[in-house]
């Protein structure tokens, strides 16, 4: 069984976004989730990004841990 250690940079790359430290910091500063808003429902995602986030969590994919991390960071 293969084990993956994904981080925020690899998640941003998977989502088709710039994965530089500067871009990620700016993204986190400019985007927020409402209290009860699901990450995959946020208006700032493109349809394919929403689908990836939702399906990854539904399937308990190896991306779940870093997706949860992103979710938490967008709620600070």
Protein backbone atom coordinates (compact mmCIF):
# COMPACT_ATOMS: atom_id res chain seq x y z
CA UNK A 1 0.00 0.00 0.00
CA UNK A 2 1.37 3.36 -1.00
CA UNK A 3 1.37 6.17 1.55
CA UNK A 4 1.16 9.81 0.49
CA UNK A 5 2.28 12.79 2.50
CA UNK A 6 0.51 15.71 0.89
CA UNK A 7 1.03 19.28 2.03
CA UNK A 8 -0.64 22.60 1.21
CA UNK A 9 1.68 23.22 -1.73
CA UNK A 10 0.81 19.87 -3.31
CA UNK A 11 -2.92 20.46 -2.68
CA UNK A 12 -2.79 23.87 -4.34
CA UNK A 13 -0.98 22.29 -7.28
CA UNK A 14 -3.62 19.52 -7.47
CA UNK A 15 -6.30 22.23 -7.52
CA UNK A 16 -4.56 23.91 -10.46
CA UNK A 17 -3.42 26.88 -8.38
CA UNK A 18 -0.04 28.49 -7.91
CA UNK A 19 1.65 26.55 -5.12
CA UNK A 20 4.24 29.09 -4.06
CA UNK A 21 4.44 30.02 -0.39
CA UNK A 22 3.57 33.64 -1.25
CA UNK A 23 0.47 32.70 -3.23
CA UNK A 24 -0.79 30.35 -0.52
CA UNK A 25 -0.30 33.01 2.17
CA UNK A 26 -2.14 35.59 0.05
CA UNK A 27 -4.94 33.11 -0.73
CA UNK A 28 -5.41 32.36 2.97
CA UNK A 29 -5.44 36.08 3.81
CA UNK A 30 -8.03 36.89 1.12
CA UNK A 31 -10.47 33.98 1.53
CA UNK A 32 -12.64 32.94 4.46
CA UNK A 33 -15.32 30.34 5.09
CA UNK A 34 -18.54 31.19 6.86
CA UNK A 35 -19.18 29.37 10.11
CA UNK A 36 -21.35 26.59 8.66
CA UNK A 37 -20.05 26.69 5.07
CA UNK A 38 -18.53 23.51 3.69
CA UNK A 39 -15.11 23.95 2.09
CA UNK A 40 -16.28 22.43 -1.19
CA UNK A 41 -19.25 24.84 -1.32
CA UNK A 42 -17.16 28.03 -1.12
CA UNK A 43 -17.82 30.46 -3.94
CA UNK A 44 -14.14 30.99 -4.73
CA UNK A 45 -13.66 27.47 -6.16
CA UNK A 46 -14.15 26.49 -9.79
CA UNK A 47 -16.56 23.55 -10.41
CA UNK A 48 -13.74 21.02 -10.92
CA UNK A 49 -12.03 22.17 -7.71
CA UNK A 50 -15.28 21.84 -5.77
CA UNK A 51 -15.78 18.34 -7.17
CA UNK A 52 -12.24 17.28 -6.23
CA UNK A 53 -12.57 18.57 -2.65
CA UNK A 54 -16.00 17.00 -2.15
CA UNK A 55 -15.11 13.63 -3.69
CA UNK A 56 -11.82 13.42 -1.80
CA UNK A 57 -13.59 13.87 1.51
CA UNK A 58 -16.48 11.54 0.64
CA UNK A 59 -14.03 8.80 -0.35
CA UNK A 60 -11.72 9.44 2.61
CA UNK A 61 -8.92 9.86 0.07
CA UNK A 62 -5.29 10.41 0.97
CA UNK A 63 -5.89 14.15 0.47
CA UNK A 64 -8.29 14.39 3.44
CA UNK A 65 -5.74 15.43 6.04
CA UNK A 66 -4.41 18.38 4.06
CA UNK A 67 -7.94 19.33 2.94
CA UNK A 68 -8.94 19.46 6.60
CA UNK A 69 -5.89 21.61 7.27
CA UNK A 70 -6.93 24.04 4.52
CA UNK A 71 -10.46 24.11 5.91
CA UNK A 72 -9.14 25.03 9.36
CA UNK A 73 -6.85 27.73 7.98
CA UNK A 74 -9.75 29.33 6.11
CA UNK A 75 -11.72 29.59 9.35
CA UNK A 76 -9.09 31.52 11.37
